[in-house]
């Protein structure tokens, strides 16, 4: 089921907006009342298969003068390695974290781009569970990096800014604790989830609106469907751009958090 086939009117002829239940389809292989192997899970599995296949194929024949596939793979890898890892974390420590940043970026990118592909039309990160899992994983990693490098002293370094007068510390320290260990992982996940869900809803709503207007007997209302279609195409293109940007932003923030843990004693 795609947004353009969602029901746009009920029996009374009143416009019925799409619901989350209609956007997020029921389980393909149900094994419980509210559980099962659903379309989101299938797309996640397919994304891993596609990413693995692409980069294995791109690196299979490593030539001095690369072919098109090898060139594309090297450029994509270099973008994450140099543009995010090296530039943010720094030349001394970044290589350790390139595999993580690389995997995060392309996993999120492919799962977001699903929302712009006909037939799929479901960005899997519009489900909050996926965003929570990735943000939770990153949360554990950057705290672990800080503890590994500085021991328990890292907890002090993370919440006690240098150069702050002692009499302001009772105010600053609680703010730093909430900001770093509570707000940070929440915003990291919700930023990705909320933008993907909002864009998915807007496109689905536009599709349902077009279907509703086309079915009306009033010629003026039928004509309005063309305007809605133009707006829907514009929103579709904007959403495709946001899908790429959100993959970049999530990975960039991951690198920033890791850099903060690696160089906590410098802050």
Protein backbone atom coordinates (compact mmCIF):
# COMPACT_ATOMS: atom_id res chain seq x y z
CA UNK A 1 0.00 0.00 0.00
CA UNK A 2 1.36 3.42 -0.93
CA UNK A 3 0.28 6.93 0.12
CA UNK A 4 -1.47 7.47 -3.24
CA UNK A 5 -3.73 4.49 -2.64
CA UNK A 6 -4.72 5.42 0.89
CA UNK A 7 -8.46 5.97 1.37
CA UNK A 8 -9.26 9.65 0.95
CA UNK A 9 -12.96 9.59 1.74
CA UNK A 10 -15.35 7.62 3.91
CA UNK A 11 -18.89 6.56 3.06
CA UNK A 12 -20.22 10.06 3.70
CA UNK A 13 -17.86 11.61 1.15
CA UNK A 14 -15.86 13.41 3.82
CA UNK A 15 -12.09 13.61 3.46
CA UNK A 16 -10.37 11.07 5.69
CA UNK A 17 -6.69 11.76 6.33
CA UNK A 18 -4.29 8.80 6.42
CA UNK A 19 -3.47 7.32 9.81
CA UNK A 20 -0.23 5.87 11.14
CA UNK A 21 -1.79 2.41 11.01
CA UNK A 22 -2.34 2.82 7.28
CA UNK A 23 1.17 4.15 6.70
CA UNK A 24 2.89 1.47 8.74
CA UNK A 25 1.52 -1.72 7.31
CA UNK A 26 0.60 -4.85 9.33
CA UNK A 27 2.99 -7.73 9.78
CA UNK A 28 3.89 -9.83 6.74
CA UNK A 29 4.50 -12.90 8.92
CA UNK A 30 2.59 -12.32 12.18
CA UNK A 31 3.60 -14.33 15.22
CA UNK A 32 1.64 -12.50 17.90
CA UNK A 33 -1.20 -10.09 18.48
CA UNK A 34 0.92 -6.99 17.85
CA UNK A 35 4.17 -8.45 16.63
CA UNK A 36 5.60 -10.04 13.53
CA UNK A 37 7.97 -9.63 10.63
CA UNK A 38 6.70 -6.46 8.99
CA UNK A 39 7.58 -4.32 5.99
CA UNK A 40 9.95 -2.18 8.04
CA UNK A 41 11.97 -5.21 9.14
CA UNK A 42 12.10 -6.50 5.58
CA UNK A 43 13.41 -3.16 4.30
CA UNK A 44 16.05 -3.03 7.04
CA UNK A 45 17.30 -6.49 6.05
CA UNK A 46 17.31 -5.51 2.37
CA UNK A 47 19.27 -2.34 3.16
CA UNK A 48 22.03 -4.35 4.83
CA UNK A 49 22.15 -6.75 1.88
CA UNK A 50 22.26 -3.90 -0.65
CA UNK A 51 24.97 -1.93 1.18
CA UNK A 52 27.12 -5.03 1.62
CA UNK A 53 26.68 -6.04 -2.02
CA UNK A 54 27.47 -2.58 -3.36
CA UNK A 55 30.70 -1.99 -1.46
CA UNK A 56 31.93 -5.56 -1.92
CA UNK A 57 31.32 -5.22 -5.65
CA UNK A 58 32.97 -1.79 -5.71
CA UNK A 59 36.11 -3.04 -3.96
CA UNK A 60 36.37 -6.47 -5.63
CA UNK A 61 38.63 -5.30 -8.46
CA UNK A 62 40.95 -2.71 -7.01
CA UNK A 63 42.58 -1.07 -9.99
CA UNK A 64 45.04 1.78 -10.22
CA UNK A 65 42.67 3.46 -12.67
CA UNK A 66 39.29 2.70 -11.06
CA UNK A 67 36.20 1.81 -13.00
CA UNK A 68 32.92 3.62 -12.46
CA UNK A 69 31.73 1.39 -9.62
CA UNK A 70 35.08 1.43 -7.84
CA UNK A 71 35.32 5.20 -8.26
CA UNK A 72 31.85 5.72 -6.81
CA UNK A 73 32.59 3.43 -3.86
CA UNK A 74 35.88 5.21 -3.14
CA UNK A 75 34.24 8.63 -3.29
CA UNK A 76 31.44 7.59 -0.93
CA UNK A 77 33.90 6.04 1.50
CA UNK A 78 36.18 9.06 1.28
CA UNK A 79 33.29 11.40 2.04
CA UNK A 80 32.64 9.70 5.37
CA UNK A 81 36.29 9.00 6.16
CA UNK A 82 37.62 12.48 5.47
CA UNK A 83 34.58 14.74 5.47
CA UNK A 84 33.17 13.47 8.77
CA UNK A 85 35.69 11.27 10.57
CA UNK A 86 38.97 13.08 9.97
CA UNK A 87 37.60 16.62 9.94
CA UNK A 88 35.64 16.20 13.18
CA UNK A 89 37.49 13.66 15.32
CA UNK A 90 40.98 14.61 14.17
CA UNK A 91 43.84 12.95 12.33
CA UNK A 92 45.21 11.05 15.34
CA UNK A 93 42.13 9.12 16.46
CA UNK A 94 39.64 9.14 13.62
CA UNK A 95 40.51 5.87 11.85
CA UNK A 96 39.31 3.79 14.80
CA UNK A 97 35.80 5.15 14.34
CA UNK A 98 35.55 5.28 10.53
CA UNK A 99 33.86 1.83 10.29
CA UNK A 100 31.18 2.95 12.75
CA UNK A 101 30.58 6.28 11.00
CA UNK A 102 30.61 4.59 7.59
CA UNK A 103 28.07 1.96 8.65
CA UNK A 104 25.79 4.51 10.34
CA UNK A 105 25.76 6.93 7.44
CA UNK A 106 24.92 4.46 4.70
CA UNK A 107 22.54 2.40 6.82
CA UNK A 108 20.50 5.48 7.70
CA UNK A 109 20.78 6.89 4.18
CA UNK A 110 19.42 3.78 2.46
CA UNK A 111 16.64 3.32 5.03
CA UNK A 112 15.64 6.97 4.63
CA UNK A 113 15.76 6.90 0.83
CA UNK A 114 13.19 4.08 0.82
CA UNK A 115 10.62 6.80 1.45
CA UNK A 116 11.37 8.36 -1.96
CA UNK A 117 11.22 5.11 -3.94
CA UNK A 118 7.85 4.10 -5.45
CA UNK A 119 6.48 0.78 -4.16
CA UNK A 120 8.66 0.96 -1.03
CA UNK A 121 7.62 4.50 0.03
CA UNK A 122 8.41 3.85 3.68
CA UNK A 123 11.44 5.43 5.39
CA UNK A 124 12.09 2.85 8.08
CA UNK A 125 13.43 5.53 10.41
CA UNK A 126 9.89 6.92 10.58
CA UNK A 127 9.46 4.18 13.21
CA UNK A 128 10.83 5.48 16.49
CA UNK A 129 12.30 2.11 17.49
CA UNK A 130 15.02 2.22 14.85
CA UNK A 131 16.07 5.76 15.78
CA UNK A 132 16.09 4.88 19.48
CA UNK A 133 18.28 1.86 18.85
CA UNK A 134 20.87 3.74 16.80
CA UNK A 135 21.00 6.68 19.22
CA UNK A 136 21.27 4.26 22.16
CA UNK A 137 24.12 2.43 20.46
CA UNK A 138 25.99 5.68 19.84
CA UNK A 139 25.29 6.76 23.43
CA UNK A 140 26.91 3.63 24.84
CA UNK A 141 29.87 3.92 22.46
CA UNK A 142 30.88 7.51 23.17
CA UNK A 143 30.53 7.06 26.92
CA UNK A 144 32.55 3.84 26.65
CA UNK A 145 35.23 5.67 24.67
CA UNK A 146 35.50 8.33 27.37
CA UNK A 147 35.66 5.78 30.18
CA UNK A 148 38.27 3.71 28.35
CA UNK A 149 40.51 6.73 27.82
CA UNK A 150 40.11 8.56 31.12
CA UNK A 151 38.54 6.03 33.48
CA UNK A 152 35.94 7.29 35.93
CA UNK A 153 37.56 10.71 35.71
CA UNK A 154 35.72 11.08 32.40
CA UNK A 155 32.41 11.52 34.22
CA UNK A 156 33.85 14.59 35.92
CA UNK A 157 35.41 15.89 32.70
CA UNK A 158 32.06 15.54 30.91
CA UNK A 159 30.06 17.63 33.39
CA UNK A 160 32.56 20.06 34.93
CA UNK A 161 33.64 22.67 32.35
CA UNK A 162 37.12 24.10 32.81
CA UNK A 163 37.49 27.74 33.71
CA UNK A 164 34.08 28.06 35.39
CA UNK A 165 34.19 29.78 38.82
CA UNK A 166 33.50 27.43 41.75
CA UNK A 167 30.48 29.40 42.95
CA UNK A 168 28.68 28.81 39.62
CA UNK A 169 29.39 25.05 39.62
CA UNK A 170 26.20 24.08 41.53
CA UNK A 171 24.20 25.56 38.65
CA UNK A 172 26.40 24.49 35.75
CA UNK A 173 27.01 20.85 36.74
CA UNK A 174 23.33 19.76 36.86
CA UNK A 175 22.75 21.48 33.53
CA UNK A 176 25.73 19.65 31.99
CA UNK A 177 24.54 16.30 33.39
CA UNK A 178 21.06 16.73 31.92
CA UNK A 179 22.40 18.13 28.65
CA UNK A 180 25.04 15.44 28.03
CA UNK A 181 23.48 12.29 29.47
CA UNK A 182 19.72 12.88 29.06
CA UNK A 183 18.92 15.47 26.41
CA UNK A 184 21.69 14.49 23.99
CA UNK A 185 20.55 10.91 23.27
CA UNK A 186 16.89 11.97 23.16
CA UNK A 187 17.47 14.72 20.60
CA UNK A 188 19.84 12.50 18.64
CA UNK A 189 17.08 9.93 18.10
CA UNK A 190 14.00 12.15 17.91
CA UNK A 191 15.55 14.49 15.33
CA UNK A 192 15.90 11.57 12.91
CA UNK A 193 12.57 9.95 13.72
CA UNK A 194 10.48 13.14 13.76
CA UNK A 195 11.74 14.48 10.43
CA UNK A 196 11.25 11.15 8.68
CA UNK A 197 7.76 10.66 10.10
CA UNK A 198 6.70 14.25 9.38
CA UNK A 199 7.86 14.09 5.78
CA UNK A 200 6.19 10.71 5.29
CA UNK A 201 2.92 12.08 6.67
CA UNK A 202 3.02 15.20 4.48
CA UNK A 203 3.56 13.21 1.29
CA UNK A 204 0.88 10.70 2.28
CA UNK A 205 -1.56 13.49 3.14
CA UNK A 206 -0.93 15.16 -0.22
CA UNK A 207 -1.53 11.88 -2.03
CA UNK A 208 -4.78 11.30 -0.19
CA UNK A 209 -5.85 14.89 -0.86
CA UNK A 210 -5.25 14.50 -4.58
CA UNK A 211 -7.28 11.29 -4.69
CA UNK A 212 -10.12 12.96 -2.76
CA UNK A 213 -10.21 16.04 -5.02
CA UNK A 214 -10.14 14.01 -8.23
CA UNK A 215 -13.18 12.03 -7.07
CA UNK A 216 -15.27 15.19 -6.52
CA UNK A 217 -17.95 16.21 -9.02
CA UNK A 218 -17.12 19.91 -8.71
CA UNK A 219 -14.82 20.89 -11.60
CA UNK A 220 -13.13 23.56 -9.49
CA UNK A 221 -12.22 21.00 -6.85
CA UNK A 222 -10.92 18.65 -9.54
CA UNK A 223 -8.72 21.49 -10.81
CA UNK A 224 -7.40 22.11 -7.32
CA UNK A 225 -5.92 18.60 -7.42
CA UNK A 226 -3.35 19.89 -9.94
CA UNK A 227 -2.17 22.53 -7.46
CA UNK A 228 -1.96 19.94 -4.71
CA UNK A 229 0.03 17.71 -7.07
CA UNK A 230 2.53 20.50 -7.77
CA UNK A 231 2.90 21.09 -4.04
CA UNK A 232 3.25 17.37 -3.43
CA UNK A 233 6.06 17.09 -5.98
CA UNK A 234 7.88 20.01 -4.35
CA UNK A 235 7.48 18.44 -0.92
CA UNK A 236 8.62 15.11 -2.33
CA UNK A 237 11.85 16.66 -3.61
CA UNK A 238 12.38 18.50 -0.32
CA UNK A 239 11.80 15.31 1.61
CA UNK A 240 14.35 13.47 -0.55
CA UNK A 241 16.92 16.15 0.31
CA UNK A 242 16.06 15.92 4.01
CA UNK A 243 16.53 12.14 3.89
CA UNK A 244 20.14 12.63 2.84
CA UNK A 245 20.73 15.50 5.26
CA UNK A 246 19.40 13.56 8.22
CA UNK A 247 21.78 10.67 7.54
CA UNK A 248 24.61 13.20 7.43
CA UNK A 249 23.49 15.07 10.56
CA UNK A 250 23.09 11.88 12.61
CA UNK A 251 26.58 10.69 11.60
CA UNK A 252 28.11 14.12 12.10
CA UNK A 253 26.68 14.37 15.63
CA UNK A 254 28.03 10.89 16.36
CA UNK A 255 31.50 12.06 15.35
CA UNK A 256 31.12 15.20 17.49
CA UNK A 257 30.12 13.16 20.54
CA UNK A 258 33.04 10.78 20.05
CA UNK A 259 35.44 13.68 19.58
CA UNK A 260 34.18 15.18 22.82
CA UNK A 261 34.85 11.89 24.62
CA UNK A 262 38.30 11.44 23.06
CA UNK A 263 39.41 14.96 23.92
CA UNK A 264 37.42 15.48 27.11
CA UNK A 265 40.43 16.79 29.00
CA UNK A 266 40.86 19.59 26.46
CA UNK A 267 37.42 21.11 27.09
